[in-house]
Amino acid sequence: MSFQPKDFLVWGELPVSDMDKAVAFYAAVTGADLSIDTSGPNPMAVFRPENSSTGVGLHLYPGKPAKTGQGSTLHLSAQGQLEDVMTRVTAAGGQVVSEPIRVPPGRFFYALDPDGNSVGFFEGP
């Protein structure tokens, strides 16, 4: 019997060394409304997509990031044109590490956040 859930990725976790700095970076780059939630065992900043069955797509938590560019890469949607997102990454303290890459559903680029976490930012058609 085949397993076909509504969402294969339930949520992603991204470790950050400074929650306030990370919330400011990701809010500036993606346009998401992020705040720190302290209702669980650890503080976290939550990205809540409209159409996720779990209600959570990604959260930032206090932790030790992987060495620069060596952890998993999470790809995030961001508000606006991809070139504008690239500018916001740099202005917010991150580093753009690739040119835009075209794939059938749209375009994305690779970046490093201020902690060195590998992230991609995606722009759909």
PDB file of N, CA and C in Angstrom:
ATOM      1  N   MET A   1       0.844  -1.192   0.000  1.00  0.00           N
ATOM      2  CA  MET A   1       0.000   0.000   0.000  1.00  0.00           C
ATOM      3  C   MET A   1       0.879   1.242   0.000  1.00  0.00           C
ATOM      4  N   SER A   2       0.575   2.186  -0.830  1.00  0.00           N
ATOM      5  CA  SER A   2       1.351   3.409  -0.981  1.00  0.00           C
ATOM      6  C   SER A   2       0.905   4.471   0.029  1.00  0.00           C
ATOM      7  N   PHE A   3       1.860   5.219   0.546  1.00  0.00           N
ATOM      8  CA  PHE A   3       1.588   6.284   1.516  1.00  0.00           C
ATOM      9  C   PHE A   3       1.656   7.623   0.801  1.00  0.00           C
ATOM     10  N   GLN A   4       0.558   8.360   0.748  1.00  0.00           N
ATOM     11  CA  GLN A   4       0.501   9.659   0.079  1.00  0.00           C
ATOM     12  C   GLN A   4      -0.138  10.698   1.005  1.00  0.00           C
ATOM     13  N   PRO A   5       0.639  11.263   1.951  1.00  0.00           N
ATOM     14  CA  PRO A   5       0.069  12.278   2.839  1.00  0.00           C
ATOM     15  C   PRO A   5      -0.198  13.580   2.099  1.00  0.00           C
ATOM     16  N   LYS A   6      -0.975  14.434   2.707  1.00  0.00           N
ATOM     17  CA  LYS A   6      -1.264  15.746   2.122  1.00  0.00           C
ATOM     18  C   LYS A   6       0.016  16.570   1.992  1.00  0.00           C
ATOM     19  N   ASP A   7       0.864  16.531   3.006  1.00  0.00           N
ATOM     20  CA  ASP A   7       2.147  17.242   3.004  1.00  0.00           C
ATOM     21  C   ASP A   7       3.233  16.270   3.422  1.00  0.00           C
ATOM     22  N   PHE A   8       4.282  16.089   2.613  1.00  0.00           N
ATOM     23  CA  PHE A   8       5.378  15.219   3.021  1.00  0.00           C
ATOM     24  C   PHE A   8       6.232  15.891   4.085  1.00  0.00           C
ATOM     25  N   LEU A   9       6.501  17.169   3.943  1.00  0.00           N
ATOM     26  CA  LEU A   9       7.248  17.886   4.966  1.00  0.00           C
ATOM     27  C   LEU A   9       6.237  18.427   5.970  1.00  0.00           C
ATOM     28  N   VAL A  10       6.315  17.950   7.195  1.00  0.00           N
ATOM     29  CA  VAL A  10       5.395  18.416   8.223  1.00  0.00           C
ATOM     30  C   VAL A  10       5.805  19.814   8.672  1.00  0.00           C
ATOM     31  N   TRP A  11       7.096  19.996   8.980  1.00  0.00           N
ATOM     32  CA  TRP A  11       7.655  21.317   9.225  1.00  0.00           C
ATOM     33  C   TRP A  11       9.164  21.221   9.190  1.00  0.00           C
ATOM     34  N   GLY A  12       9.800  22.356   9.091  1.00  0.00           N
ATOM     35  CA  GLY A  12      11.251  22.433   9.123  1.00  0.00           C
ATOM     36  C   GLY A  12      11.683  23.227  10.336  1.00  0.00           C
ATOM     37  N   GLU A  13      12.859  22.916  10.843  1.00  0.00           N
ATOM     38  CA  GLU A  13      13.431  23.646  11.964  1.00  0.00           C
ATOM     39  C   GLU A  13      14.781  24.199  11.536  1.00  0.00           C
ATOM     40  N   LEU A  14      15.028  25.434  11.855  1.00  0.00           N
ATOM     41  CA  LEU A  14      16.276  26.077  11.491  1.00  0.00           C
ATOM     42  C   LEU A  14      16.905  26.650  12.754  1.00  0.00           C
ATOM     43  N   PRO A  15      18.081  26.131  13.152  1.00  0.00           N
ATOM     44  CA  PRO A  15      18.724  26.648  14.363  1.00  0.00           C
ATOM     45  C   PRO A  15      19.359  28.004  14.116  1.00  0.00           C
ATOM     46  N   VAL A  16      19.205  28.900  15.077  1.00  0.00           N
ATOM     47  CA  VAL A  16      19.787  30.235  14.975  1.00  0.00           C
ATOM     48  C   VAL A  16      20.450  30.595  16.299  1.00  0.00           C
ATOM     49  N   SER A  17      21.485  31.417  16.227  1.00  0.00           N
ATOM     50  CA  SER A  17      22.220  31.774  17.445  1.00  0.00           C
ATOM     51  C   SER A  17      21.617  32.986  18.157  1.00  0.00           C
ATOM     52  N   ASP A  18      20.862  33.810  17.444  1.00  0.00           N
ATOM     53  CA  ASP A  18      20.273  35.019  18.022  1.00  0.00           C
ATOM     54  C   ASP A  18      18.851  35.157  17.461  1.00  0.00           C
ATOM     55  N   MET A  19      17.860  34.834  18.280  1.00  0.00           N
ATOM     56  CA  MET A  19      16.469  34.825  17.812  1.00  0.00           C
ATOM     57  C   MET A  19      16.020  36.190  17.282  1.00  0.00           C
ATOM     58  N   ASP A  20      16.305  37.257  18.007  1.00  0.00           N
ATOM     59  CA  ASP A  20      15.856  38.578  17.563  1.00  0.00           C
ATOM     60  C   ASP A  20      16.471  38.938  16.213  1.00  0.00           C
ATOM     61  N   LYS A  21      17.754  38.666  16.053  1.00  0.00           N
ATOM     62  CA  LYS A  21      18.435  38.955  14.790  1.00  0.00           C
ATOM     63  C   LYS A  21      17.858  38.093  13.665  1.00  0.00           C
ATOM     64  N   ALA A  22      17.592  36.820  13.945  1.00  0.00           N
ATOM     65  CA  ALA A  22      17.038  35.916  12.928  1.00  0.00           C
ATOM     66  C   ALA A  22      15.624  36.337  12.533  1.00  0.00           C
ATOM     67  N   VAL A  23      14.804  36.698  13.507  1.00  0.00           N
ATOM     68  CA  VAL A  23      13.440  37.158  13.202  1.00  0.00           C
ATOM     69  C   VAL A  23      13.506  38.404  12.327  1.00  0.00           C
ATOM     70  N   ALA A  24      14.391  39.332  12.653  1.00  0.00           N
ATOM     71  CA  ALA A  24      14.527  40.556  11.844  1.00  0.00           C
ATOM     72  C   ALA A  24      14.983  40.207  10.426  1.00  0.00           C
ATOM     73  N   PHE A  25      15.956  39.295  10.275  1.00  0.00           N
ATOM     74  CA  PHE A  25      16.456  38.908   8.951  1.00  0.00           C
ATOM     75  C   PHE A  25      15.345  38.278   8.121  1.00  0.00           C
ATOM     76  N   TYR A  26      14.688  37.241   8.644  1.00  0.00           N
ATOM     77  CA  TYR A  26      13.689  36.521   7.858  1.00  0.00           C
ATOM     78  C   TYR A  26      12.443  37.359   7.590  1.00  0.00           C
ATOM     79  N   ALA A  27      12.053  38.229   8.514  1.00  0.00           N
ATOM     80  CA  ALA A  27      10.921  39.122   8.259  1.00  0.00           C
ATOM     81  C   ALA A  27      11.271  40.108   7.143  1.00  0.00           C
ATOM     82  N   ALA A  28      12.487  40.667   7.183  1.00  0.00           N
ATOM     83  CA  ALA A  28      12.906  41.625   6.156  1.00  0.00           C
ATOM     84  C   ALA A  28      13.008  40.972   4.784  1.00  0.00           C
ATOM     85  N   VAL A  29      13.528  39.747   4.736  1.00  0.00           N
ATOM     86  CA  VAL A  29      13.754  39.091   3.445  1.00  0.00           C
ATOM     87  C   VAL A  29      12.466  38.522   2.861  1.00  0.00           C
ATOM     88  N   THR A  30      11.656  37.829   3.678  1.00  0.00           N
ATOM     89  CA  THR A  30      10.476  37.140   3.146  1.00  0.00           C
ATOM     90  C   THR A  30       9.209  37.989   3.149  1.00  0.00           C
ATOM     91  N   GLY A  31       9.139  38.973   4.035  1.00  0.00           N
ATOM     92  CA  GLY A  31       7.908  39.733   4.192  1.00  0.00           C
ATOM     93  C   GLY A  31       6.945  39.072   5.173  1.00  0.00           C
ATOM     94  N   ALA A  32       7.368  37.965   5.784  1.00  0.00           N
ATOM     95  CA  ALA A  32       6.520  37.249   6.740  1.00  0.00           C
ATOM     96  C   ALA A  32       6.391  38.035   8.038  1.00  0.00           C
ATOM     97  N   ASP A  33       5.259  37.860   8.700  1.00  0.00           N
ATOM     98  CA  ASP A  33       5.018  38.469  10.001  1.00  0.00           C
ATOM     99  C   ASP A  33       5.462  37.456  11.051  1.00  0.00           C
ATOM    100  N   LEU A  34       6.648  37.633  11.607  1.00  0.00           N
ATOM    101  CA  LEU A  34       7.197  36.696  12.575  1.00  0.00           C
ATOM    102  C   LEU A  34       7.294  37.336  13.949  1.00  0.00           C
ATOM    103  N   SER A  35       7.006  36.547  14.961  1.00  0.00           N
ATOM    104  CA  SER A  35       7.243  36.974  16.329  1.00  0.00           C
ATOM    105  C   SER A  35       7.682  35.745  17.111  1.00  0.00           C
ATOM    106  N   ILE A  36       8.269  35.961  18.255  1.00  0.00           N
ATOM    107  CA  ILE A  36       8.771  34.850  19.051  1.00  0.00           C
ATOM    108  C   ILE A  36       7.648  34.303  19.925  1.00  0.00           C
ATOM    109  N   ASP A  37       7.413  32.997  19.814  1.00  0.00           N
ATOM    110  CA  ASP A  37       6.388  32.281  20.567  1.00  0.00           C
ATOM    111  C   ASP A  37       7.073  31.534  21.712  1.00  0.00           C
ATOM    112  N   THR A  38       6.665  31.799  22.935  1.00  0.00           N
ATOM    113  CA  THR A  38       7.276  31.147  24.096  1.00  0.00           C
ATOM    114  C   THR A  38       6.324  30.169  24.771  1.00  0.00           C
ATOM    115  N   SER A  39       5.290  29.706  24.069  1.00  0.00           N
ATOM    116  CA  SER A  39       4.300  28.818  24.685  1.00  0.00           C
ATOM    117  C   SER A  39       4.767  27.371  24.804  1.00  0.00           C
ATOM    118  N   GLY A  40       5.818  26.984  24.100  1.00  0.00           N
ATOM    119  CA  GLY A  40       6.311  25.610  24.153  1.00  0.00           C
ATOM    120  C   GLY A  40       7.529  25.489  25.041  1.00  0.00           C
ATOM    121  N   PRO A  41       8.198  24.354  24.954  1.00  0.00           N
ATOM    122  CA  PRO A  41       9.370  24.146  25.806  1.00  0.00           C
ATOM    123  C   PRO A  41      10.564  25.029  25.425  1.00  0.00           C
ATOM    124  N   ASN A  42      10.616  25.483  24.175  1.00  0.00           N
ATOM    125  CA  ASN A  42      11.676  26.378  23.709  1.00  0.00           C
ATOM    126  C   ASN A  42      11.048  27.535  22.960  1.00  0.00           C
ATOM    127  N   PRO A  43      11.650  28.712  23.033  1.00  0.00           N
ATOM    128  CA  PRO A  43      11.119  29.810  22.221  1.00  0.00           C
ATOM    129  C   PRO A  43      11.322  29.488  20.741  1.00  0.00           C
ATOM    130  N   MET A  44      10.401  29.947  19.915  1.00  0.00           N
ATOM    131  CA  MET A  44      10.535  29.739  18.480  1.00  0.00           C
ATOM    132  C   MET A  44       9.799  30.843  17.733  1.00  0.00           C
ATOM    133  N   ALA A  45      10.286  31.104  16.529  1.00  0.00           N
ATOM    134  CA  ALA A  45       9.605  32.033  15.629  1.00  0.00           C
ATOM    135  C   ALA A  45       8.990  31.171  14.533  1.00  0.00           C
ATOM    136  N   VAL A  46       7.701  31.338  14.301  1.00  0.00           N
ATOM    137  CA  VAL A  46       6.960  30.421  13.443  1.00  0.00           C
ATOM    138  C   VAL A  46       6.516  31.072  12.142  1.00  0.00           C
ATOM    139  N   PHE A  47       6.805  30.381  11.022  1.00  0.00           N
ATOM    140  CA  PHE A  47       6.247  30.732   9.715  1.00  0.00           C
ATOM    141  C   PHE A  47       4.978  29.894   9.590  1.00  0.00           C
ATOM    142  N   ARG A  48       3.828  30.504   9.442  1.00  0.00           N
ATOM    143  CA  ARG A  48       2.560  29.772   9.349  1.00  0.00           C
ATOM    144  C   ARG A  48       1.929  29.974   7.972  1.00  0.00           C
ATOM    145  N   PRO A  49       2.113  29.015   7.071  1.00  0.00           N
ATOM    146  CA  PRO A  49       1.504  29.157   5.747  1.00  0.00           C
ATOM    147  C   PRO A  49       0.000  28.973   5.793  1.00  0.00           C
ATOM    148  N   GLU A  50      -0.690  29.628   4.882  1.00  0.00           N
ATOM    149  CA  GLU A  50      -2.144  29.574   4.819  1.00  0.00           C
ATOM    150  C   GLU A  50      -2.686  28.171   4.577  1.00  0.00           C
ATOM    151  N   ASN A  51      -2.033  27.379   3.724  1.00  0.00           N
ATOM    152  CA  ASN A  51      -2.618  26.119   3.284  1.00  0.00           C
ATOM    153  C   ASN A  51      -1.938  24.871   3.843  1.00  0.00           C
ATOM    154  N   SER A  52      -1.237  24.966   4.946  1.00  0.00           N
ATOM    155  CA  SER A  52      -0.577  23.792   5.513  1.00  0.00           C
ATOM    156  C   SER A  52      -1.508  23.072   6.471  1.00  0.00           C
ATOM    157  N   SER A  53      -1.577  21.749   6.370  1.00  0.00           N
ATOM    158  CA  SER A  53      -2.445  20.982   7.261  1.00  0.00           C
ATOM    159  C   SER A  53      -1.937  21.019   8.697  1.00  0.00           C
ATOM    160  N   THR A  54      -0.647  21.271   8.905  1.00  0.00           N
ATOM    161  CA  THR A  54      -0.100  21.314  10.252  1.00  0.00           C
ATOM    162  C   THR A  54      -0.157  22.712  10.848  1.00  0.00           C
ATOM    163  N   GLY A  55      -0.335  23.721  10.014  1.00  0.00           N
ATOM    164  CA  GLY A  55      -0.355  25.092  10.500  1.00  0.00           C
ATOM    165  C   GLY A  55       1.035  25.685  10.660  1.00  0.00           C
ATOM    166  N   VAL A  56       2.077  24.896  10.460  1.00  0.00           N
ATOM    167  CA  VAL A  56       3.444  25.380  10.605  1.00  0.00           C
ATOM    168  C   VAL A  56       4.253  24.903   9.413  1.00  0.00           C
ATOM    169  N   GLY A  57       4.971  25.794   8.770  1.00  0.00           N
ATOM    170  CA  GLY A  57       5.832  25.403   7.671  1.00  0.00           C
ATOM    171  C   GLY A  57       7.285  25.351   8.104  1.00  0.00           C
ATOM    172  N   LEU A  58       7.666  26.244   8.991  1.00  0.00           N
ATOM    173  CA  LEU A  58       9.055  26.357   9.415  1.00  0.00           C
ATOM    174  C   LEU A  58       9.075  27.103  10.729  1.00  0.00           C
ATOM    175  N   HIS A  59      10.011  26.739  11.579  1.00  0.00           N
ATOM    176  CA  HIS A  59      10.243  27.593  12.737  1.00  0.00           C
ATOM    177  C   HIS A  59      11.733  27.720  13.020  1.00  0.00           C
ATOM    178  N   LEU A  60      12.078  28.873  13.569  1.00  0.00           N
ATOM    179  CA  LEU A  60      13.441  29.180  13.985  1.00  0.00           C
ATOM    180  C   LEU A  60      13.512  28.886  15.473  1.00  0.00           C
ATOM    181  N   TYR A  61      14.595  28.304  15.919  1.00  0.00           N
ATOM    182  CA  TYR A  61      14.738  28.018  17.342  1.00  0.00           C
ATOM    183  C   TYR A  61      16.176  28.272  17.774  1.00  0.00           C
ATOM    184  N   PRO A  62      16.393  28.550  19.071  1.00  0.00           N
ATOM    185  CA  PRO A  62      17.752  28.767  19.538  1.00  0.00           C
ATOM    186  C   PRO A  62      18.522  27.454  19.460  1.00  0.00           C
ATOM    187  N   GLY A  63      19.611  27.456  18.751  1.00  0.00           N
ATOM    188  CA  GLY A  63      20.394  26.243  18.601  1.00  0.00           C
ATOM    189  C   GLY A  63      21.719  26.530  17.943  1.00  0.00           C
ATOM    190  N   LYS A  64      22.436  25.467  17.659  1.00  0.00           N
ATOM    191  CA  LYS A  64      23.751  25.605  17.032  1.00  0.00           C
ATOM    192  C   LYS A  64      23.632  25.287  15.546  1.00  0.00           C
ATOM    193  N   PRO A  65      23.762  26.302  14.695  1.00  0.00           N
ATOM    194  CA  PRO A  65      23.688  26.060  13.256  1.00  0.00           C
ATOM    195  C   PRO A  65      24.833  25.170  12.781  1.00  0.00           C
ATOM    196  N   ALA A  66      24.613  24.474  11.673  1.00  0.00           N
ATOM    197  CA  ALA A  66      25.668  23.688  11.045  1.00  0.00           C
ATOM    198  C   ALA A  66      26.762  24.642  10.579  1.00  0.00           C
ATOM    199  N   LYS A  67      27.924  24.101  10.279  1.00  0.00           N
ATOM    200  CA  LYS A  67      28.982  24.941   9.726  1.00  0.00           C
ATOM    201  C   LYS A  67      28.466  25.609   8.462  1.00  0.00           C
ATOM    202  N   THR A  68      28.946  26.789   8.192  1.00  0.00           N
ATOM    203  CA  THR A  68      28.466  27.599   7.084  1.00  0.00           C
ATOM    204  C   THR A  68      28.257  26.789   5.805  1.00  0.00           C
ATOM    205  N   GLY A  69      27.006  26.790   5.348  1.00  0.00           N
ATOM    206  CA  GLY A  69      26.649  26.150   4.091  1.00  0.00           C
ATOM    207  C   GLY A  69      26.647  24.626   4.110  1.00  0.00           C
ATOM    208  N   GLN A  70      26.784  23.992   5.277  1.00  0.00           N
ATOM    209  CA  GLN A  70      26.885  22.536   5.305  1.00  0.00           C
ATOM    210  C   GLN A  70      25.637  21.828   5.826  1.00  0.00           C
ATOM    211  N   GLY A  71      24.651  22.551   6.307  1.00  0.00           N
ATOM    212  CA  GLY A  71      23.424  21.919   6.773  1.00  0.00           C
ATOM    213  C   GLY A  71      22.467  21.684   5.613  1.00  0.00           C
ATOM    214  N   SER A  72      21.283  21.249   5.940  1.00  0.00           N
ATOM    215  CA  SER A  72      20.234  21.098   4.928  1.00  0.00           C
ATOM    216  C   SER A  72      19.887  22.463   4.353  1.00  0.00           C
ATOM    217  N   THR A  73      19.352  22.463   3.147  1.00  0.00           N
ATOM    218  CA  THR A  73      18.915  23.711   2.537  1.00  0.00           C
ATOM    219  C   THR A  73      17.399  23.740   2.509  1.00  0.00           C
ATOM    220  N   LEU A  74      16.818  24.750   3.117  1.00  0.00           N
ATOM    221  CA  LEU A  74      15.379  24.956   3.086  1.00  0.00           C
ATOM    222  C   LEU A  74      15.091  26.036   2.053  1.00  0.00           C
ATOM    223  N   HIS A  75      14.059  25.833   1.244  1.00  0.00           N
ATOM    224  CA  HIS A  75      13.682  26.815   0.223  1.00  0.00           C
ATOM    225  C   HIS A  75      12.398  27.496   0.681  1.00  0.00           C
ATOM    226  N   LEU A  76      12.434  28.819   0.713  1.00  0.00           N
ATOM    227  CA  LEU A  76      11.321  29.616   1.219  1.00  0.00           C
ATOM    228  C   LEU A  76      10.753  30.518   0.138  1.00  0.00           C
ATOM    229  N   SER A  77       9.464  30.745   0.216  1.00  0.00           N
ATOM    230  CA  SER A  77       8.837  31.763  -0.619  1.00  0.00           C
ATOM    231  C   SER A  77       9.156  33.116  -0.010  1.00  0.00           C
ATOM    232  N   ALA A  78       9.277  34.113  -0.849  1.00  0.00           N
ATOM    233  CA  ALA A  78       9.521  35.469  -0.361  1.00  0.00           C
ATOM    234  C   ALA A  78       8.698  36.438  -1.189  1.00  0.00           C
ATOM    235  N   GLN A  79       8.281  37.492  -0.554  1.00  0.00           N
ATOM    236  CA  GLN A  79       7.442  38.503  -1.193  1.00  0.00           C
ATOM    237  C   GLN A  79       8.252  39.304  -2.209  1.00  0.00           C
ATOM    238  N   GLY A  80       7.683  39.519  -3.383  1.00  0.00           N
ATOM    239  CA  GLY A  80       8.301  40.386  -4.376  1.00  0.00           C
ATOM    240  C   GLY A  80       9.125  39.648  -5.416  1.00  0.00           C
ATOM    241  N   GLN A  81       9.734  40.435  -6.309  1.00  0.00           N
ATOM    242  CA  GLN A  81      10.568  39.901  -7.381  1.00  0.00           C
ATOM    243  C   GLN A  81      11.851  39.319  -6.806  1.00  0.00           C
ATOM    244  N   LEU A  82      12.359  38.268  -7.427  1.00  0.00           N
ATOM    245  CA  LEU A  82      13.537  37.565  -6.928  1.00  0.00           C
ATOM    246  C   LEU A  82      14.745  38.492  -6.771  1.00  0.00           C
ATOM    247  N   GLU A  83      14.957  39.388  -7.707  1.00  0.00           N
ATOM    248  CA  GLU A  83      16.090  40.306  -7.613  1.00  0.00           C
ATOM    249  C   GLU A  83      15.956  41.226  -6.394  1.00  0.00           C
ATOM    250  N   ASP A  84      14.727  41.628  -6.054  1.00  0.00           N
ATOM    251  CA  ASP A  84      14.496  42.433  -4.852  1.00  0.00           C
ATOM    252  C   ASP A  84      14.795  41.621  -3.597  1.00  0.00           C
ATOM    253  N   VAL A  85      14.424  40.344  -3.616  1.00  0.00           N
ATOM    254  CA  VAL A  85      14.701  39.458  -2.481  1.00  0.00           C
ATOM    255  C   VAL A  85      16.214  39.330  -2.290  1.00  0.00           C
ATOM    256  N   MET A  86      16.950  39.204  -3.386  1.00  0.00           N
ATOM    257  CA  MET A  86      18.412  39.109  -3.312  1.00  0.00           C
ATOM    258  C   MET A  86      18.997  40.356  -2.644  1.00  0.00           C
ATOM    259  N   THR A  87      18.483  41.513  -3.000  1.00  0.00           N
ATOM    260  CA  THR A  87      18.942  42.772  -2.397  1.00  0.00           C
ATOM    261  C   THR A  87      18.632  42.791  -0.908  1.00  0.00           C
ATOM    262  N   ARG A  88      17.436  42.316  -0.537  1.00  0.00           N
ATOM    263  CA  ARG A  88      17.049  42.308   0.882  1.00  0.00           C
ATOM    264  C   ARG A  88      17.914  41.339   1.687  1.00  0.00           C
ATOM    265  N   VAL A  89      18.302  40.207   1.100  1.00  0.00           N
ATOM    266  CA  VAL A  89      19.175  39.260   1.799  1.00  0.00           C
ATOM    267  C   VAL A  89      20.461  39.967   2.214  1.00  0.00           C
ATOM    268  N   THR A  90      21.092  40.642   1.273  1.00  0.00           N
ATOM    269  CA  THR A  90      22.352  41.325   1.555  1.00  0.00           C
ATOM    270  C   THR A  90      22.152  42.460   2.564  1.00  0.00           C
ATOM    271  N   ALA A  91      21.103  43.262   2.372  1.00  0.00           N
ATOM    272  CA  ALA A  91      20.839  44.390   3.267  1.00  0.00           C
ATOM    273  C   ALA A  91      20.547  43.939   4.693  1.00  0.00           C
ATOM    274  N   ALA A  92      19.987  42.733   4.850  1.00  0.00           N
ATOM    275  CA  ALA A  92      19.620  42.231   6.177  1.00  0.00           C
ATOM    276  C   ALA A  92      20.738  41.426   6.835  1.00  0.00           C
ATOM    277  N   GLY A  93      21.905  41.346   6.182  1.00  0.00           N
ATOM    278  CA  GLY A  93      23.046  40.679   6.810  1.00  0.00           C
ATOM    279  C   GLY A  93      23.333  39.275   6.324  1.00  0.00           C
ATOM    280  N   GLY A  94      22.633  38.819   5.282  1.00  0.00           N
ATOM    281  CA  GLY A  94      22.897  37.506   4.706  1.00  0.00           C
ATOM    282  C   GLY A  94      23.824  37.623   3.515  1.00  0.00           C
ATOM    283  N   GLN A  95      24.031  36.502   2.840  1.00  0.00           N
ATOM    284  CA  GLN A  95      24.931  36.475   1.676  1.00  0.00           C
ATOM    285  C   GLN A  95      24.267  35.701   0.547  1.00  0.00           C
ATOM    286  N   VAL A  96      24.158  36.306  -0.615  1.00  0.00           N
ATOM    287  CA  VAL A  96      23.664  35.634  -1.817  1.00  0.00           C
ATOM    288  C   VAL A  96      24.818  34.810  -2.368  1.00  0.00           C
ATOM    289  N   VAL A  97      24.578  33.515  -2.638  1.00  0.00           N
ATOM    290  CA  VAL A  97      25.676  32.655  -3.100  1.00  0.00           C
ATOM    291  C   VAL A  97      25.438  32.061  -4.488  1.00  0.00           C
ATOM    292  N   SER A  98      24.356  32.450  -5.157  1.00  0.00           N
ATOM    293  CA  SER A  98      24.156  32.003  -6.535  1.00  0.00           C
ATOM    294  C   SER A  98      23.357  33.045  -7.296  1.00  0.00           C
ATOM    295  N   GLU A  99      23.427  32.947  -8.587  1.00  0.00           N
ATOM    296  CA  GLU A  99      22.546  33.721  -9.452  1.00  0.00           C
ATOM    297  C   GLU A  99      21.183  33.038  -9.432  1.00  0.00           C
ATOM    298  N   PRO A 100      20.123  33.693  -9.936  1.00  0.00           N
ATOM    299  CA  PRO A 100      18.833  33.013 -10.041  1.00  0.00           C
ATOM    300  C   PRO A 100      18.946  31.763 -10.924  1.00  0.00           C
ATOM    301  N   ILE A 101      18.270  30.732 -10.509  1.00  0.00           N
ATOM    302  CA  ILE A 101      18.260  29.447 -11.217  1.00  0.00           C
ATOM    303  C   ILE A 101      16.829  29.158 -11.638  1.00  0.00           C
ATOM    304  N   ARG A 102      16.630  28.892 -12.929  1.00  0.00           N
ATOM    305  CA  ARG A 102      15.291  28.606 -13.441  1.00  0.00           C
ATOM    306  C   ARG A 102      15.020  27.117 -13.357  1.00  0.00           C
ATOM    307  N   VAL A 103      13.854  26.767 -12.818  1.00  0.00           N
ATOM    308  CA  VAL A 103      13.348  25.394 -12.775  1.00  0.00           C
ATOM    309  C   VAL A 103      11.920  25.445 -13.312  1.00  0.00           C
ATOM    310  N   PRO A 104      11.342  24.308 -13.720  1.00  0.00           N
ATOM    311  CA  PRO A 104      10.004  24.362 -14.325  1.00  0.00           C
ATOM    312  C   PRO A 104       8.951  25.161 -13.538  1.00  0.00           C
ATOM    313  N   PRO A 105       8.890  25.071 -12.191  1.00  0.00           N
ATOM    314  CA  PRO A 105       7.839  25.848 -11.520  1.00  0.00           C
ATOM    315  C   PRO A 105       8.178  27.309 -11.231  1.00  0.00           C
ATOM    316  N   GLY A 106       9.397  27.783 -11.541  1.00  0.00           N
ATOM    317  CA  GLY A 106       9.749  29.173 -11.256  1.00  0.00           C
ATOM    318  C   GLY A 106      11.245  29.386 -11.200  1.00  0.00           C
ATOM    319  N   ARG A 107      11.676  30.286 -10.300  1.00  0.00           N
ATOM    320  CA  ARG A 107      13.102  30.584 -10.138  1.00  0.00           C
ATOM    321  C   ARG A 107      13.437  30.628  -8.652  1.00  0.00           C
ATOM    322  N   PHE A 108      14.718  30.362  -8.331  1.00  0.00           N
ATOM    323  CA  PHE A 108      15.189  30.473  -6.961  1.00  0.00           C
ATOM    324  C   PHE A 108      16.664  30.830  -6.970  1.00  0.00           C
ATOM    325  N   PHE A 109      17.182  31.209  -5.797  1.00  0.00           N
ATOM    326  CA  PHE A 109      18.616  31.400  -5.624  1.00  0.00           C
ATOM    327  C   PHE A 109      19.006  30.876  -4.257  1.00  0.00           C
ATOM    328  N   TYR A 110      20.282  30.559  -4.122  1.00  0.00           N
ATOM    329  CA  TYR A 110      20.818  30.095  -2.842  1.00  0.00           C
ATOM    330  C   TYR A 110      21.411  31.271  -2.082  1.00  0.00           C
ATOM    331  N   ALA A 111      21.290  31.215  -0.749  1.00  0.00           N
ATOM    332  CA  ALA A 111      21.834  32.252   0.117  1.00  0.00           C
ATOM    333  C   ALA A 111      22.262  31.626   1.440  1.00  0.00           C
ATOM    334  N   LEU A 112      22.982  32.412   2.222  1.00  0.00           N
ATOM    335  CA  LEU A 112      23.315  32.053   3.594  1.00  0.00           C
ATOM    336  C   LEU A 112      22.685  33.098   4.495  1.00  0.00           C
ATOM    337  N   ASP A 113      22.047  32.654   5.581  1.00  0.00           N
ATOM    338  CA  ASP A 113      21.507  33.611   6.538  1.00  0.00           C
ATOM    339  C   ASP A 113      22.655  34.097   7.427  1.00  0.00           C
ATOM    340  N   PRO A 114      22.409  35.021   8.356  1.00  0.00           N
ATOM    341  CA  PRO A 114      23.505  35.542   9.185  1.00  0.00           C
ATOM    342  C   PRO A 114      24.235  34.469  10.005  1.00  0.00           C
ATOM    343  N   ASP A 115      23.589  33.318  10.268  1.00  0.00           N
ATOM    344  CA  ASP A 115      24.238  32.226  10.990  1.00  0.00           C
ATOM    345  C   ASP A 115      24.967  31.257  10.065  1.00  0.00           C
ATOM    346  N   GLY A 116      24.875  31.469   8.755  1.00  0.00           N
ATOM    347  CA  GLY A 116      25.503  30.555   7.805  1.00  0.00           C
ATOM    348  C   GLY A 116      24.604  29.416   7.375  1.00  0.00           C
ATOM    349  N   ASN A 117      23.322  29.431   7.814  1.00  0.00           N
ATOM    350  CA  ASN A 117      22.378  28.407   7.359  1.00  0.00           C
ATOM    351  C   ASN A 117      22.141  28.559   5.866  1.00  0.00           C
ATOM    352  N   SER A 118      22.134  27.446   5.143  1.00  0.00           N
ATOM    353  CA  SER A 118      21.871  27.457   3.714  1.00  0.00           C
ATOM    354  C   SER A 118      20.361  27.549   3.485  1.00  0.00           C
ATOM    355  N   VAL A 119      19.944  28.561   2.729  1.00  0.00           N
ATOM    356  CA  VAL A 119      18.535  28.739   2.405  1.00  0.00           C
ATOM    357  C   VAL A 119      18.411  29.084   0.920  1.00  0.00           C
ATOM    358  N   GLY A 120      17.298  28.702   0.347  1.00  0.00           N
ATOM    359  CA  GLY A 120      16.965  29.100  -1.007  1.00  0.00           C
ATOM    360  C   GLY A 120      15.718  29.965  -0.934  1.00  0.00           C
ATOM    361  N   PHE A 121      15.621  30.931  -1.817  1.00  0.00           N
ATOM    362  CA  PHE A 121      14.428  31.764  -1.894  1.00  0.00           C
ATOM    363  C   PHE A 121      13.819  31.582  -3.265  1.00  0.00           C
ATOM    364  N   PHE A 122      12.515  31.289  -3.280  1.00  0.00           N
ATOM    365  CA  PHE A 122      11.804  30.852  -4.486  1.00  0.00           C
ATOM    366  C   PHE A 122      10.796  31.884  -4.945  1.00  0.00           C
ATOM    367  N   GLU A 123      10.708  32.039  -6.268  1.00  0.00           N
ATOM    368  CA  GLU A 123       9.693  32.888  -6.893  1.00  0.00           C
ATOM    369  C   GLU A 123       8.960  32.029  -7.916  1.00  0.00           C
ATOM    370  N   GLY A 124       7.651  31.862  -7.733  1.00  0.00           N
ATOM    371  CA  GLY A 124       6.845  31.078  -8.659  1.00  0.00           C
ATOM    372  C   GLY A 124       6.523  31.869  -9.923  1.00  0.00           C
ATOM    373  N   PRO A 125       5.848  31.216 -10.857  1.00  0.00           N
ATOM    374  CA  PRO A 125       5.537  31.858 -12.143  1.00  0.00           C
ATOM    375  C   PRO A 125       4.665  33.084 -11.997  1.00  0.00           C
TER     376      PRO A 125
END
